[in-house]
C-alpha atoms as a PDB file:
ATOM      1  CA  MET A   1       0.000   0.000   0.000  1.00  0.00           C
ATOM      2  CA  LEU A   2       1.272   3.450  -0.880  1.00  0.00           C
ATOM      3  CA  ALA A   3       0.620   6.368   1.441  1.00  0.00           C
ATOM      4  CA  LYS A   4       1.097   9.861   0.025  1.00  0.00           C
ATOM      5  CA  VAL A   5       1.735  12.591   2.581  1.00  0.00           C
ATOM      6  CA  TYR A   6       1.499  16.284   1.725  1.00  0.00           C
ATOM      7  CA  VAL A   7       3.021  18.648   4.291  1.00  0.00           C
ATOM      8  CA  THR A   8       2.466  22.405   4.045  1.00  0.00           C
ATOM      9  CA  LEU A   9       3.071  25.384   6.274  1.00  0.00           C
ATOM     10  CA  LYS A  10       0.024  26.564   8.196  1.00  0.00           C
ATOM     11  CA  GLN A  11      -1.584  29.833   7.144  1.00  0.00           C
ATOM     12  CA  GLY A  12       0.130  32.782   8.804  1.00  0.00           C
ATOM     13  CA  VAL A  13       3.532  31.066   9.001  1.00  0.00           C
ATOM     14  CA  LEU A  14       6.196  32.947   7.047  1.00  0.00           C
ATOM     15  CA  ASP A  15       7.457  31.012   3.996  1.00  0.00           C
ATOM     16  CA  PRO A  16      10.734  32.662   2.896  1.00  0.00           C
ATOM     17  CA  GLN A  17      11.413  29.960   0.292  1.00  0.00           C
ATOM     18  CA  GLY A  18       7.961  30.486  -1.205  1.00  0.00           C
ATOM     19  CA  LYS A  19       8.505  34.255  -1.264  1.00  0.00           C
ATOM     20  CA  ALA A  20      11.849  33.807  -3.061  1.00  0.00           C
ATOM     21  CA  VAL A  21      10.293  31.495  -5.665  1.00  0.00           C
ATOM     22  CA  GLY A  22       7.351  33.875  -6.125  1.00  0.00           C
ATOM     23  CA  HIS A  23       9.747  36.778  -6.679  1.00  0.00           C
ATOM     24  CA  ALA A  24      11.821  34.748  -9.150  1.00  0.00           C
ATOM     25  CA  LEU A  25       8.709  33.787 -11.107  1.00  0.00           C
ATOM     26  CA  GLY A  26       7.741  37.453 -11.294  1.00  0.00           C
ATOM     27  CA  THR A  27      11.149  38.411 -12.666  1.00  0.00           C
ATOM     28  CA  LEU A  28      10.810  35.649 -15.263  1.00  0.00           C
ATOM     29  CA  GLY A  29       7.643  37.266 -16.565  1.00  0.00           C
ATOM     30  CA  PHE A  30       5.008  35.311 -14.649  1.00  0.00           C
ATOM     31  CA  LYS A  31       3.371  38.475 -13.287  1.00  0.00           C
ATOM     32  CA  GLU A  32       0.053  36.731 -12.599  1.00  0.00           C
ATOM     33  CA  VAL A  33       1.538  34.770  -9.675  1.00  0.00           C
ATOM     34  CA  GLU A  34       0.119  36.231  -6.468  1.00  0.00           C
ATOM     35  CA  ASP A  35       1.657  33.897  -3.882  1.00  0.00           C
ATOM     36  CA  VAL A  36       3.781  30.751  -3.664  1.00  0.00           C
ATOM     37  CA  ARG A  37       3.928  28.316  -0.747  1.00  0.00           C
ATOM     38  CA  ILE A  38       6.522  25.537  -0.634  1.00  0.00           C
ATOM     39  CA  GLY A  39       5.769  22.173   0.970  1.00  0.00           C
ATOM     40  CA  LYS A  40       6.917  18.559   1.095  1.00  0.00           C
ATOM     41  CA  TYR A  41       5.612  15.443  -0.612  1.00  0.00           C
ATOM     42  CA  ILE A  42       6.472  12.088   0.973  1.00  0.00           C
ATOM     43  CA  GLU A  43       5.662   8.547  -0.189  1.00  0.00           C
ATOM     44  CA  VAL A  44       5.571   5.750   2.386  1.00  0.00           C
ATOM     45  CA  THR A  45       5.156   2.144   1.256  1.00  0.00           C
ATOM     46  CA  LEU A  46       3.378  -0.086   3.756  1.00  0.00           C
ATOM     47  CA  PRO A  47       2.400  -3.751   3.720  1.00  0.00           C
ATOM     48  CA  ASP A  48      -1.227  -4.488   2.961  1.00  0.00           C
ATOM     49  CA  LEU A  49      -3.095  -3.349   6.058  1.00  0.00           C
ATOM     50  CA  PRO A  50      -6.719  -2.453   6.655  1.00  0.00           C
ATOM     51  CA  LYS A  51      -7.198   1.139   5.500  1.00  0.00           C
ATOM     52  CA  ASP A  52      -8.021   2.492   8.965  1.00  0.00           C
ATOM     53  CA  LYS A  53      -4.925   0.825  10.476  1.00  0.00           C
ATOM     54  CA  ALA A  54      -2.665   2.129   7.693  1.00  0.00           C
ATOM     55  CA  GLU A  55      -4.063   5.638   8.058  1.00  0.00           C
ATOM     56  CA  ALA A  56      -3.551   5.551  11.823  1.00  0.00           C
ATOM     57  CA  ARG A  57       0.071   4.400  11.443  1.00  0.00           C
ATOM     58  CA  VAL A  58       0.865   7.095   8.864  1.00  0.00           C
ATOM     59  CA  LYS A  59      -0.759   9.696  11.112  1.00  0.00           C
ATOM     60  CA  GLU A  60       1.565   8.548  13.916  1.00  0.00           C
ATOM     61  CA  MET A  61       4.525   8.954  11.520  1.00  0.00           C
ATOM     62  CA  CYS A  62       3.421  12.475  10.633  1.00  0.00           C
ATOM     63  CA  GLU A  63       2.908  13.480  14.250  1.00  0.00           C
ATOM     64  CA  GLY A  64       6.219  11.945  15.325  1.00  0.00           C
ATOM     65  CA  LEU A  65       8.580  12.882  12.500  1.00  0.00           C
ATOM     66  CA  LEU A  66       7.276  13.832   9.073  1.00  0.00           C
ATOM     67  CA  ALA A  67       5.550  17.102  10.010  1.00  0.00           C
ATOM     68  CA  ASN A  68       6.272  19.784  12.567  1.00  0.00           C
ATOM     69  CA  THR A  69       2.667  20.149  13.693  1.00  0.00           C
ATOM     70  CA  VAL A  70       3.356  23.459  15.426  1.00  0.00           C
ATOM     71  CA  ILE A  71       3.860  25.194  12.056  1.00  0.00           C
ATOM     72  CA  GLU A  72       2.836  22.582   9.465  1.00  0.00           C
ATOM     73  CA  SER A  73      -0.344  20.816   8.405  1.00  0.00           C
ATOM     74  CA  TYR A  74      -0.447  17.483   6.629  1.00  0.00           C
ATOM     75  CA  ARG A  75      -2.814  15.508   4.446  1.00  0.00           C
ATOM     76  CA  ILE A  76      -2.701  11.746   3.827  1.00  0.00           C
ATOM     77  CA  GLU A  77      -3.848   9.833   0.746  1.00  0.00           C
ATOM     78  CA  LEU A  78      -3.830   6.032   0.682  1.00  0.00           C
END
């Protein structure tokens, strides 16, 4: 089973990397870009488990290591 984890900064948290990329896009002529936020994408391969068990285990991984839940949010897809 493949778990896809998307980690993004929470709203209101400064994203200097996103600001730099947004500025660079503007200088390259992409003036329509209003904002850029940078995040992480993580794939975790698990053995075949019941969906609720797999989701619970991946949530534990996110809470323990994959996301800094003070400043980041995450979303899981199985």
